[in-house]
C-alpha atoms as a PDB file:
ATOM      1  CA  MET A   1     117.190  29.627 105.634  1.00  0.00           C
ATOM      2  CA  SER A   2     119.950  28.042 107.819  1.00  0.00           C
ATOM      3  CA  GLU A   3     119.139  24.598 109.234  1.00  0.00           C
ATOM      4  CA  PHE A   4     120.620  22.708 112.445  1.00  0.00           C
ATOM      5  CA  ARG A   5     121.001  18.979 111.473  1.00  0.00           C
ATOM      6  CA  GLN A   6     121.870  16.044 113.828  1.00  0.00           C
ATOM      7  CA  ASP A   7     123.691  13.034 112.948  1.00  0.00           C
ATOM      8  CA  ILE A   8     121.372  10.145 113.787  1.00  0.00           C
ATOM      9  CA  VAL A   9     124.228   7.854 114.876  1.00  0.00           C
ATOM     10  CA  THR A  10     126.443  10.049 116.947  1.00  0.00           C
ATOM     11  CA  LYS A  11     124.017  12.708 118.000  1.00  0.00           C
ATOM     12  CA  GLU A  12     126.414  15.565 116.799  1.00  0.00           C
ATOM     13  CA  TRP A  13     125.030  18.801 115.361  1.00  0.00           C
ATOM     14  CA  VAL A  14     125.956  20.727 112.181  1.00  0.00           C
ATOM     15  CA  LEU A  15     124.728  24.020 110.859  1.00  0.00           C
ATOM     16  CA  ILE A  16     123.899  24.035 107.140  1.00  0.00           C
ATOM     17  CA  ALA A  17     124.104  27.636 106.231  1.00  0.00           C
ATOM     18  CA  PRO A  18     123.600  27.997 102.308  1.00  0.00           C
ATOM     19  CA  SER A  19     123.076  31.633 102.488  1.00  0.00           C
ATOM     20  CA  ARG A  20     126.807  32.092 102.963  1.00  0.00           C
ATOM     21  CA  SER A  21     127.925  29.836 100.036  1.00  0.00           C
ATOM     22  CA  GLY A  22     128.747  30.538  96.483  1.00  0.00           C
ATOM     23  CA  ARG A  23     128.242  28.352  93.214  1.00  0.00           C
ATOM     24  CA  PRO A  24     129.952  25.083  93.673  1.00  0.00           C
ATOM     25  CA  TYR A  25     132.775  25.831  91.193  1.00  0.00           C
ATOM     26  CA  GLU A  26     133.983  28.829  93.534  1.00  0.00           C
ATOM     27  CA  PHE A  27     135.045  26.139  95.953  1.00  0.00           C
ATOM     28  CA  LYS A  28     137.976  25.466  93.965  1.00  0.00           C
ATOM     29  CA  LYS A  29     141.347  26.174  95.942  1.00  0.00           C
ATOM     30  CA  LYS A  30     144.893  25.676  94.899  1.00  0.00           C
ATOM     31  CA  PRO A  31     145.249  22.139  93.543  1.00  0.00           C
ATOM     32  CA  ALA A  32     146.570  19.515  95.925  1.00  0.00           C
ATOM     33  CA  HIS A  33     148.989  18.315  93.094  1.00  0.00           C
ATOM     34  CA  SER A  34     151.087  19.914  90.551  1.00  0.00           C
ATOM     35  CA  GLU A  35     150.575  18.538  87.002  1.00  0.00           C
ATOM     36  CA  LYS A  36     154.220  18.999  86.301  1.00  0.00           C
ATOM     37  CA  LEU A  37     155.228  16.264  89.006  1.00  0.00           C
ATOM     38  CA  PRO A  38     157.811  13.779  87.692  1.00  0.00           C
ATOM     39  CA  GLU A  39     157.079  10.127  88.047  1.00  0.00           C
ATOM     40  CA  VAL A  40     160.171   9.632  90.099  1.00  0.00           C
ATOM     41  CA  SER A  41     161.770  12.510  92.294  1.00  0.00           C
ATOM     42  CA  PRO A  42     165.389  11.952  93.470  1.00  0.00           C
ATOM     43  CA  SER A  43     164.570  14.110  96.386  1.00  0.00           C
ATOM     44  CA  CYS A  44     161.567  12.355  97.582  1.00  0.00           C
ATOM     45  CA  VAL A  45     162.078   9.784 100.439  1.00  0.00           C
ATOM     46  CA  PHE A  46     159.241   7.660  99.292  1.00  0.00           C
ATOM     47  CA  CYS A  47     160.416   7.297  95.637  1.00  0.00           C
ATOM     48  CA  PRO A  48     162.029   4.128  94.073  1.00  0.00           C
ATOM     49  CA  GLY A  49     165.737   4.526  94.648  1.00  0.00           C
ATOM     50  CA  ASN A  50     165.541   6.179  97.855  1.00  0.00           C
ATOM     51  CA  GLU A  51     164.315   3.121 100.054  1.00  0.00           C
ATOM     52  CA  LYS A  52     167.189   3.447 102.522  1.00  0.00           C
ATOM     53  CA  GLN A  53     166.041   6.614 103.598  1.00  0.00           C
ATOM     54  CA  THR A  54     162.958   5.222 105.212  1.00  0.00           C
ATOM     55  CA  PRO A  55     162.751   3.022 108.293  1.00  0.00           C
ATOM     56  CA  ALA A  56     163.354  -0.732 107.353  1.00  0.00           C
ATOM     57  CA  GLU A  57     160.383  -2.238 105.542  1.00  0.00           C
ATOM     58  CA  ILE A  58     157.428  -4.008 107.139  1.00  0.00           C
ATOM     59  CA  LEU A  59     156.429  -5.397 103.625  1.00  0.00           C
ATOM     60  CA  ARG A  60     156.701  -4.795  99.905  1.00  0.00           C
ATOM     61  CA  TYR A  61     154.816  -5.914  97.090  1.00  0.00           C
ATOM     62  CA  PRO A  62     155.597  -7.771  95.089  1.00  0.00           C
ATOM     63  CA  GLU A  63     158.556  -9.020  97.257  1.00  0.00           C
ATOM     64  CA  LYS A  64     161.090  -9.468  94.239  1.00  0.00           C
ATOM     65  CA  GLY A  65     161.929  -6.965  91.455  1.00  0.00           C
ATOM     66  CA  ASP A  66     160.127  -3.431  91.242  1.00  0.00           C
ATOM     67  CA  TRP A  67     157.742  -2.696  94.135  1.00  0.00           C
ATOM     68  CA  LYS A  68     154.148  -1.469  93.597  1.00  0.00           C
ATOM     69  CA  ILE A  69     153.646  -0.823  97.359  1.00  0.00           C
ATOM     70  CA  ARG A  70     155.744  -0.455 100.362  1.00  0.00           C
ATOM     71  CA  VAL A  71     154.858  -0.236 104.058  1.00  0.00           C
ATOM     72  CA  VAL A  72     157.164   1.088 106.546  1.00  0.00           C
ATOM     73  CA  PRO A  73     157.032   2.314 110.083  1.00  0.00           C
ATOM     74  CA  ASN A  74     156.499   6.210 110.201  1.00  0.00           C
ATOM     75  CA  LYS A  75     159.957   7.785 110.726  1.00  0.00           C
ATOM     76  CA  PHE A  76     158.392  10.354 113.078  1.00  0.00           C
ATOM     77  CA  GLY A  77     155.592   7.976 114.257  1.00  0.00           C
ATOM     78  CA  VAL A  78     153.499   8.916 117.143  1.00  0.00           C
ATOM     79  CA  LEU A  79     152.777   5.382 118.652  1.00  0.00           C
ATOM     80  CA  GLU A  80     154.923   2.420 119.640  1.00  0.00           C
ATOM     81  CA  LEU A  81     153.832  -1.153 120.084  1.00  0.00           C
ATOM     82  CA  ASP A  82     156.408  -1.798 122.814  1.00  0.00           C
ATOM     83  CA  GLY A  83     154.851   0.863 125.098  1.00  0.00           C
ATOM     84  CA  ALA A  84     153.824  -0.201 128.545  1.00  0.00           C
ATOM     85  CA  PRO A  85     150.108  -0.744 128.862  1.00  0.00           C
ATOM     86  CA  ASP A  86     149.481   0.803 132.406  1.00  0.00           C
ATOM     87  CA  THR A  87     147.258   3.971 132.839  1.00  0.00           C
ATOM     88  CA  HIS A  88     148.891   6.497 135.292  1.00  0.00           C
ATOM     89  CA  ARG A  89     146.730   8.833 137.327  1.00  0.00           C
ATOM     90  CA  ASN A  90     148.197  11.813 139.351  1.00  0.00           C
ATOM     91  CA  PHE A  91     145.094  14.252 138.829  1.00  0.00           C
ATOM     92  CA  TYR A  92     145.376  14.019 135.270  1.00  0.00           C
ATOM     93  CA  VAL A  93     145.019  10.769 133.583  1.00  0.00           C
ATOM     94  CA  THR A  94     147.926   9.550 131.022  1.00  0.00           C
ATOM     95  CA  LEU A  95     148.433   6.323 129.025  1.00  0.00           C
ATOM     96  CA  PRO A  96     151.681   5.298 127.144  1.00  0.00           C
ATOM     97  CA  GLY A  97     151.592   5.813 123.453  1.00  0.00           C
ATOM     98  CA  THR A  98     151.124   2.274 122.856  1.00  0.00           C
ATOM     99  CA  GLY A  99     150.355   1.219 119.104  1.00  0.00           C
ATOM    100  CA  SER A 100     151.750   1.752 115.902  1.00  0.00           C
ATOM    101  CA  HIS A 101     152.186   4.049 113.106  1.00  0.00           C
ATOM    102  CA  GLU A 102     152.727   2.945 109.454  1.00  0.00           C
ATOM    103  CA  VAL A 103     152.892   4.434 106.118  1.00  0.00           C
ATOM    104  CA  LEU A 104     151.735   2.718 103.205  1.00  0.00           C
ATOM    105  CA  ILE A 105     153.372   4.123 100.008  1.00  0.00           C
ATOM    106  CA  THR A 106     152.359   3.670  96.211  1.00  0.00           C
ATOM    107  CA  ARG A 107     155.252   3.708  93.721  1.00  0.00           C
ATOM    108  CA  LYS A 108     154.502   6.862  91.424  1.00  0.00           C
ATOM    109  CA  HIS A 109     155.390  10.254  92.644  1.00  0.00           C
ATOM    110  CA  ASN A 110     152.940  11.851  90.448  1.00  0.00           C
ATOM    111  CA  GLU A 111     149.769   9.582  90.580  1.00  0.00           C
ATOM    112  CA  PRO A 112     147.514  10.364  93.371  1.00  0.00           C
ATOM    113  CA  THR A 113     144.821   7.903  94.215  1.00  0.00           C
ATOM    114  CA  SER A 114     142.274   9.303  91.846  1.00  0.00           C
ATOM    115  CA  MET A 115     144.857   8.978  88.795  1.00  0.00           C
ATOM    116  CA  GLN A 116     145.748   5.268  89.802  1.00  0.00           C
ATOM    117  CA  SER A 117     144.307   2.386  88.044  1.00  0.00           C
ATOM    118  CA  VAL A 118     141.500   0.185  89.869  1.00  0.00           C
ATOM    119  CA  GLY A 119     143.959  -2.355  90.204  1.00  0.00           C
ATOM    120  CA  GLU A 120     146.571  -0.315  92.009  1.00  0.00           C
ATOM    121  CA  ILE A 121     143.861   1.035  94.389  1.00  0.00           C
ATOM    122  CA  ASP A 122     142.651  -2.518  94.975  1.00  0.00           C
ATOM    123  CA  LEU A 123     146.022  -3.654  95.863  1.00  0.00           C
ATOM    124  CA  SER A 124     146.391  -0.884  98.485  1.00  0.00           C
ATOM    125  CA  LEU A 125     143.119  -1.998  99.819  1.00  0.00           C
ATOM    126  CA  MET A 126     144.198  -5.413 100.121  1.00  0.00           C
ATOM    127  CA  ILE A 127     147.501  -4.305 101.832  1.00  0.00           C
ATOM    128  CA  MET A 128     145.422  -2.317 104.368  1.00  0.00           C
ATOM    129  CA  GLN A 129     143.082  -5.182 105.070  1.00  0.00           C
ATOM    130  CA  GLN A 130     146.363  -7.487 105.755  1.00  0.00           C
ATOM    131  CA  ARG A 131     147.892  -4.804 108.112  1.00  0.00           C
ATOM    132  CA  ILE A 132     144.239  -4.118 110.017  1.00  0.00           C
ATOM    133  CA  ASP A 133     144.188  -7.992 110.434  1.00  0.00           C
ATOM    134  CA  GLU A 134     147.688  -8.329 111.681  1.00  0.00           C
ATOM    135  CA  LEU A 135     147.739  -5.473 113.881  1.00  0.00           C
ATOM    136  CA  GLY A 136     144.541  -6.248 115.436  1.00  0.00           C
ATOM    137  CA  ARG A 137     145.962  -9.595 116.655  1.00  0.00           C
ATOM    138  CA  HIS A 138     148.226  -7.695 118.948  1.00  0.00           C
ATOM    139  CA  PRO A 139     147.011  -7.711 122.633  1.00  0.00           C
ATOM    140  CA  GLY A 140     147.190  -4.259 123.171  1.00  0.00           C
ATOM    141  CA  VAL A 141     145.573  -3.034 120.121  1.00  0.00           C
ATOM    142  CA  LYS A 142     141.813  -2.418 120.300  1.00  0.00           C
ATOM    143  CA  TYR A 143     141.403  -0.339 116.817  1.00  0.00           C
ATOM    144  CA  VAL A 144     143.105   0.222 113.632  1.00  0.00           C
ATOM    145  CA  HIS A 145     142.705   3.525 111.893  1.00  0.00           C
ATOM    146  CA  VAL A 146     143.340   3.740 108.083  1.00  0.00           C
ATOM    147  CA  ILE A 147     143.398   7.418 106.629  1.00  0.00           C
ATOM    148  CA  GLN A 148     144.823   9.080 103.581  1.00  0.00           C
ATOM    149  CA  ASN A 149     145.915  12.935 103.610  1.00  0.00           C
ATOM    150  CA  SER A 150     146.144  14.504 100.245  1.00  0.00           C
ATOM    151  CA  GLY A 151     147.462  17.833  99.838  1.00  0.00           C
ATOM    152  CA  GLN A 152     148.765  20.473 102.234  1.00  0.00           C
ATOM    153  CA  LEU A 153     145.326  21.728 103.592  1.00  0.00           C
ATOM    154  CA  ALA A 154     144.704  18.102 104.605  1.00  0.00           C
ATOM    155  CA  GLY A 155     147.752  18.011 106.651  1.00  0.00           C
ATOM    156  CA  ALA A 156     150.027  15.929 104.080  1.00  0.00           C
ATOM    157  CA  SER A 157     153.503  16.844 104.746  1.00  0.00           C
ATOM    158  CA  LEU A 158     154.781  14.948 101.524  1.00  0.00           C
ATOM    159  CA  VAL A 159     153.466  15.297  97.948  1.00  0.00           C
ATOM    160  CA  HIS A 160     154.157  11.427  97.341  1.00  0.00           C
ATOM    161  CA  PRO A 161     150.795   9.660  97.482  1.00  0.00           C
ATOM    162  CA  HIS A 162     150.501   7.484 100.610  1.00  0.00           C
ATOM    163  CA  SER A 163     148.282   6.403 103.458  1.00  0.00           C
ATOM    164  CA  GLN A 164     148.770   5.891 107.006  1.00  0.00           C
ATOM    165  CA  ILE A 165     147.864   3.157 109.458  1.00  0.00           C
ATOM    166  CA  PHE A 166     147.284   3.719 113.124  1.00  0.00           C
ATOM    167  CA  ALA A 167     146.960   0.662 115.715  1.00  0.00           C
ATOM    168  CA  MET A 168     145.615   2.275 118.951  1.00  0.00           C
ATOM    169  CA  PRO A 169     145.148   1.136 122.572  1.00  0.00           C
ATOM    170  CA  PHE A 170     141.482   2.607 122.791  1.00  0.00           C
ATOM    171  CA  LEU A 171     139.023   4.264 120.615  1.00  0.00           C
ATOM    172  CA  GLY A 172     138.797   7.955 119.630  1.00  0.00           C
ATOM    173  CA  PRO A 173     135.917   9.808 120.654  1.00  0.00           C
ATOM    174  CA  HIS A 174     134.428   9.945 117.150  1.00  0.00           C
ATOM    175  CA  ILE A 175     134.485   6.224 116.504  1.00  0.00           C
ATOM    176  CA  ALA A 176     133.435   5.575 120.224  1.00  0.00           C
ATOM    177  CA  GLU A 177     130.463   7.653 119.635  1.00  0.00           C
ATOM    178  CA  GLU A 178     129.528   6.126 116.593  1.00  0.00           C
ATOM    179  CA  ILE A 179     129.735   2.624 117.983  1.00  0.00           C
ATOM    180  CA  LYS A 180     127.769   3.789 121.009  1.00  0.00           C
ATOM    181  CA  GLY A 181     125.083   5.231 118.891  1.00  0.00           C
ATOM    182  CA  ALA A 182     124.897   2.345 116.355  1.00  0.00           C
ATOM    183  CA  SER A 183     124.737  -0.161 119.204  1.00  0.00           C
ATOM    184  CA  SER A 184     121.949   1.863 121.102  1.00  0.00           C
ATOM    185  CA  HIS A 185     119.944   2.094 117.949  1.00  0.00           C
ATOM    186  CA  TYR A 186     120.348  -1.746 117.259  1.00  0.00           C
ATOM    187  CA  HIS A 187     119.208  -2.625 120.973  1.00  0.00           C
ATOM    188  CA  ILE A 188     116.206  -0.376 120.629  1.00  0.00           C
ATOM    189  CA  PHE A 189     115.108  -1.232 117.019  1.00  0.00           C
ATOM    190  CA  ASP A 190     116.818  -4.584 116.429  1.00  0.00           C
ATOM    191  CA  LYS A 191     118.237  -2.875 113.035  1.00  0.00           C
ATOM    192  CA  CYS A 192     121.486  -1.460 111.880  1.00  0.00           C
ATOM    193  CA  VAL A 193     121.179   2.393 111.646  1.00  0.00           C
ATOM    194  CA  TYR A 194     123.423   2.517 108.473  1.00  0.00           C
ATOM    195  CA  CYS A 195     121.424  -0.235 106.648  1.00  0.00           C
ATOM    196  CA  GLN A 196     118.360   2.044 107.425  1.00  0.00           C
ATOM    197  CA  ILE A 197     120.355   5.120 106.285  1.00  0.00           C
ATOM    198  CA  ILE A 198     121.058   3.399 102.832  1.00  0.00           C
ATOM    199  CA  GLN A 199     117.506   2.424 102.403  1.00  0.00           C
ATOM    200  CA  HIS A 200     116.210   5.941 103.371  1.00  0.00           C
ATOM    201  CA  GLU A 201     118.883   7.802 100.937  1.00  0.00           C
ATOM    202  CA  ILE A 202     118.104   5.214  98.070  1.00  0.00           C
ATOM    203  CA  ALA A 203     114.518   5.966  98.308  1.00  0.00           C
ATOM    204  CA  GLU A 204     114.932   9.836  98.496  1.00  0.00           C
ATOM    205  CA  LYS A 205     117.899   9.866  95.960  1.00  0.00           C
ATOM    206  CA  VAL A 206     118.509  13.535  96.611  1.00  0.00           C
ATOM    207  CA  ARG A 207     121.858  12.899  98.499  1.00  0.00           C
ATOM    208  CA  ILE A 208     123.110  10.091  96.210  1.00  0.00           C
ATOM    209  CA  VAL A 209     126.144  10.742  94.136  1.00  0.00           C
ATOM    210  CA  PHE A 210     126.139   7.362  92.651  1.00  0.00           C
ATOM    211  CA  GLU A 211     125.721   3.741  93.379  1.00  0.00           C
ATOM    212  CA  THR A 212     126.914   0.524  92.172  1.00  0.00           C
ATOM    213  CA  GLU A 213     125.680  -3.244  92.538  1.00  0.00           C
ATOM    214  CA  ASN A 214     127.246  -3.419  96.169  1.00  0.00           C
ATOM    215  CA  TYR A 215     128.077   0.044  97.217  1.00  0.00           C
ATOM    216  CA  VAL A 216     126.528   3.495  97.670  1.00  0.00           C
ATOM    217  CA  VAL A 217     128.040   7.056  97.653  1.00  0.00           C
ATOM    218  CA  LEU A 218     126.076   9.820  99.273  1.00  0.00           C
ATOM    219  CA  CYS A 219     126.687  13.322 100.817  1.00  0.00           C
ATOM    220  CA  PRO A 220     125.659  12.703 104.430  1.00  0.00           C
ATOM    221  CA  PHE A 221     122.525  14.584 105.601  1.00  0.00           C
ATOM    222  CA  GLU A 222     124.657  15.896 108.295  1.00  0.00           C
ATOM    223  CA  SER A 223     127.653  16.601 106.242  1.00  0.00           C
ATOM    224  CA  LYS A 224     130.307  18.582 108.174  1.00  0.00           C
ATOM    225  CA  MET A 225     132.095  19.848 104.820  1.00  0.00           C
ATOM    226  CA  PRO A 226     131.094  20.930 101.471  1.00  0.00           C
ATOM    227  CA  PHE A 227     131.131  18.055  99.292  1.00  0.00           C
ATOM    228  CA  GLN A 228     131.658  15.348 101.773  1.00  0.00           C
ATOM    229  CA  MET A 229     131.155  12.065 100.727  1.00  0.00           C
ATOM    230  CA  ARG A 230     130.334   8.569 102.522  1.00  0.00           C
ATOM    231  CA  ILE A 231     130.904   5.291 100.822  1.00  0.00           C
ATOM    232  CA  LEU A 232     128.967   2.362 102.389  1.00  0.00           C
ATOM    233  CA  PRO A 233     128.402  -1.382 101.393  1.00  0.00           C
ATOM    234  CA  LYS A 234     124.724  -1.898 100.522  1.00  0.00           C
ATOM    235  CA  ASN A 235     124.853  -5.233 102.443  1.00  0.00           C
ATOM    236  CA  HIS A 236     125.451  -5.209 105.849  1.00  0.00           C
ATOM    237  CA  GLN A 237     129.475  -5.774 106.786  1.00  0.00           C
ATOM    238  CA  ALA A 238     130.809  -4.724 110.066  1.00  0.00           C
ATOM    239  CA  ARG A 239     134.441  -5.062 109.342  1.00  0.00           C
ATOM    240  CA  PHE A 240     136.244  -3.568 106.377  1.00  0.00           C
ATOM    241  CA  HIS A 241     139.224  -6.062 106.451  1.00  0.00           C
ATOM    242  CA  THR A 242     137.095  -9.019 105.959  1.00  0.00           C
ATOM    243  CA  ILE A 243     135.249  -8.114 102.842  1.00  0.00           C
ATOM    244  CA  ASN A 244     136.159 -10.664  99.948  1.00  0.00           C
ATOM    245  CA  SER A 245     138.284  -9.816  97.183  1.00  0.00           C
ATOM    246  CA  THR A 246     135.325  -9.182  94.492  1.00  0.00           C
ATOM    247  CA  HIS A 247     133.830  -6.729  96.858  1.00  0.00           C
ATOM    248  CA  ARG A 248     137.094  -5.069  97.509  1.00  0.00           C
ATOM    249  CA  LYS A 249     137.812  -4.525  93.711  1.00  0.00           C
ATOM    250  CA  GLU A 250     134.461  -3.141  93.315  1.00  0.00           C
ATOM    251  CA  LEU A 251     135.238  -0.892  96.280  1.00  0.00           C
ATOM    252  CA  ALA A 252     138.409   0.416  94.375  1.00  0.00           C
ATOM    253  CA  ALA A 253     136.534   1.360  91.434  1.00  0.00           C
ATOM    254  CA  VAL A 254     133.906   3.071  93.558  1.00  0.00           C
ATOM    255  CA  LEU A 255     136.701   5.028  95.565  1.00  0.00           C
ATOM    256  CA  LYS A 256     138.375   6.028  92.282  1.00  0.00           C
ATOM    257  CA  ASN A 257     135.123   7.306  90.791  1.00  0.00           C
ATOM    258  CA  ALA A 258     134.521   9.318  93.884  1.00  0.00           C
ATOM    259  CA  LEU A 259     137.815  11.097  94.007  1.00  0.00           C
ATOM    260  CA  THR A 260     137.766  11.619  90.288  1.00  0.00           C
ATOM    261  CA  ARG A 261     134.721  13.649  90.733  1.00  0.00           C
ATOM    262  CA  LEU A 262     136.387  15.752  93.380  1.00  0.00           C
ATOM    263  CA  TYR A 263     139.488  15.958  91.160  1.00  0.00           C
ATOM    264  CA  THR A 264     137.492  17.237  87.985  1.00  0.00           C
ATOM    265  CA  LYS A 265     134.434  18.897  89.577  1.00  0.00           C
ATOM    266  CA  ILE A 266     136.227  20.834  92.513  1.00  0.00           C
ATOM    267  CA  GLY A 267     139.748  21.161  91.012  1.00  0.00           C
ATOM    268  CA  ASP A 268     141.832  18.678  92.830  1.00  0.00           C
ATOM    269  CA  PRO A 269     141.101  19.884  96.466  1.00  0.00           C
ATOM    270  CA  SER A 270     143.196  18.635  99.303  1.00  0.00           C
ATOM    271  CA  TYR A 271     141.070  16.042 101.071  1.00  0.00           C
ATOM    272  CA  ASN A 272     141.260  13.494 104.025  1.00  0.00           C
ATOM    273  CA  PHE A 273     139.592  10.042 103.738  1.00  0.00           C
ATOM    274  CA  TYR A 274     139.179   7.580 106.663  1.00  0.00           C
ATOM    275  CA  ILE A 275     137.989   4.047 107.287  1.00  0.00           C
ATOM    276  CA  HIS A 276     135.575   3.267 110.333  1.00  0.00           C
ATOM    277  CA  THR A 277     135.253  -0.508 110.956  1.00  0.00           C
ATOM    278  CA  LEU A 278     134.339  -2.285 114.037  1.00  0.00           C
ATOM    279  CA  PRO A 279     137.057  -2.457 116.809  1.00  0.00           C
ATOM    280  CA  PHE A 280     138.775  -5.673 118.062  1.00  0.00           C
ATOM    281  CA  TYR A 281     137.158  -6.296 121.287  1.00  0.00           C
ATOM    282  CA  LYS A 282     139.507  -8.459 123.614  1.00  0.00           C
ATOM    283  CA  GLY A 283     136.925  -8.713 126.563  1.00  0.00           C
ATOM    284  CA  THR A 284     133.337  -9.999 126.185  1.00  0.00           C
ATOM    285  CA  ASN A 285     131.962  -7.366 128.327  1.00  0.00           C
ATOM    286  CA  GLN A 286     132.662  -4.572 125.777  1.00  0.00           C
ATOM    287  CA  ALA A 287     131.410  -6.432 122.756  1.00  0.00           C
ATOM    288  CA  VAL A 288     129.216  -4.886 120.302  1.00  0.00           C
ATOM    289  CA  PRO A 289     127.077  -7.308 117.943  1.00  0.00           C
ATOM    290  CA  GLU A 290     128.561  -7.333 114.620  1.00  0.00           C
ATOM    291  CA  GLU A 291     124.850  -6.681 113.512  1.00  0.00           C
ATOM    292  CA  ALA A 292     124.822  -3.209 115.084  1.00  0.00           C
ATOM    293  CA  TYR A 293     127.555  -1.576 113.224  1.00  0.00           C
ATOM    294  CA  HIS A 294     128.425  -1.126 109.295  1.00  0.00           C
ATOM    295  CA  TRP A 295     131.872  -0.166 108.064  1.00  0.00           C
ATOM    296  CA  HIS A 296     132.079   3.071 105.897  1.00  0.00           C
ATOM    297  CA  LEU A 297     134.932   5.226 104.214  1.00  0.00           C
ATOM    298  CA  VAL A 298     134.318   8.959 104.651  1.00  0.00           C
ATOM    299  CA  ILE A 299     135.802  11.654 102.178  1.00  0.00           C
ATOM    300  CA  LEU A 300     136.353  15.185 103.720  1.00  0.00           C
ATOM    301  CA  PRO A 301     137.330  17.801 100.970  1.00  0.00           C
ATOM    302  CA  ARG A 302     139.241  20.565 102.596  1.00  0.00           C
ATOM    303  CA  VAL A 303     137.460  23.391 100.786  1.00  0.00           C
ATOM    304  CA  ASN A 304     136.787  25.467 104.029  1.00  0.00           C
ATOM    305  CA  ILE A 305     138.164  26.501 107.262  1.00  0.00           C
ATOM    306  CA  TRP A 306     136.828  25.678 110.672  1.00  0.00           C
ATOM    307  CA  ALA A 307     136.921  28.527 112.865  1.00  0.00           C
ATOM    308  CA  GLY A 308     135.754  29.655 116.414  1.00  0.00           C
ATOM    309  CA  LEU A 309     132.459  28.494 116.366  1.00  0.00           C
ATOM    310  CA  GLU A 310     133.374  24.795 115.118  1.00  0.00           C
ATOM    311  CA  LEU A 311     136.330  24.561 117.422  1.00  0.00           C
ATOM    312  CA  GLY A 312     134.649  25.987 120.567  1.00  0.00           C
ATOM    313  CA  THR A 313     131.274  24.200 120.251  1.00  0.00           C
ATOM    314  CA  GLU A 314     132.058  21.222 117.802  1.00  0.00           C
ATOM    315  CA  ILE A 315     128.889  22.500 115.868  1.00  0.00           C
ATOM    316  CA  TYR A 316     130.469  22.559 112.529  1.00  0.00           C
ATOM    317  CA  VAL A 317     129.281  25.001 109.657  1.00  0.00           C
ATOM    318  CA  ASN A 318     128.606  23.760 106.139  1.00  0.00           C
ATOM    319  CA  VAL A 319     127.756  26.342 103.599  1.00  0.00           C
ATOM    320  CA  MET A 320     127.054  23.991 100.805  1.00  0.00           C
ATOM    321  CA  PRO A 321     123.967  21.906 101.612  1.00  0.00           C
ATOM    322  CA  PRO A 322     124.580  18.064 100.839  1.00  0.00           C
ATOM    323  CA  GLU A 323     121.606  17.984  98.485  1.00  0.00           C
ATOM    324  CA  LYS A 324     123.102  20.636  96.232  1.00  0.00           C
ATOM    325  CA  ALA A 325     126.775  18.983  96.665  1.00  0.00           C
ATOM    326  CA  ALA A 326     125.351  15.366  95.574  1.00  0.00           C
ATOM    327  CA  GLU A 327     123.473  17.124  92.549  1.00  0.00           C
ATOM    328  CA  TYR A 328     126.853  18.852  91.521  1.00  0.00           C
ATOM    329  CA  LEU A 329     128.875  15.728  92.039  1.00  0.00           C
ATOM    330  CA  ARG A 330     126.481  13.728  90.034  1.00  0.00           C
ATOM    331  CA  GLY A 331     127.229  16.059  87.122  1.00  0.00           C
ATOM    332  CA  GLU A 332     124.247  18.109  87.207  1.00  0.00           C
ATOM    333  CA  GLU A 333     124.877  21.949  86.868  1.00  0.00           C
ATOM    334  CA  LEU A 334     123.249  24.148  89.188  1.00  0.00           C
END
């Protein structure tokens, strides 16, 4: 029987409708990447040799010799740090697109994140931390949003593996509701709601995909998508960009493990991942205690299509119960 489930943090609803689902392997779509891709593509603007086809570099690593990572402004970026900060009201409310839109490019054309080494993924995470810290110092930036779109169904316009970094002048509704819900929970119970979720899920075990010494990977109780995963640090941490190098390298291994399970079990699906972390508060009246929020990384495989119900009500229909999804991703056949 179908079941409505509520997100304990944001209070959003999803509808788990298992009667509409098939077996897990039936979710396999067209792979996000072709096995025949070359390591370097002469026609790809992100590939080595074509550096002049992108805007001027923000950074490259290492600085000399063959680069492993480049960060450049998005050529078709949607935000600019030099925008005026004033809000304009004339019936409708507008705000200039103040911020920045950067692209983090890894070297090999045919090596998505799931196929990269732990060291290469750790390097990307390190650069993400540096850019979050740097951009967060800008007076007009309140939040830095890190994402990766992989495959056409996830909105990736280029095959070459890359991530994107957005510096924004305000919080988007999703992260704002998370912050609000987590803060409210903390003020009532004096506990981090995500820490409590981790404790509950580890005790129940049914939605755990795997865990390591410092991280847990689970299919959320209120999953919006089949095989959705959330990576959380077991110990309370509010800001992703402040985790130490040891924990970051472990996170790199965890992220590779999670994406590899999607690659092998679901057939290399298109996916989005994003990192939610505590915003940069420039005024004390807006501050949320660090004890109230818990950073996390969300992976959303794009194996189904949101239609009128989801778009019209924002109640998302998920035909694969997270308990079954976790069981399948653990390697247990259904």
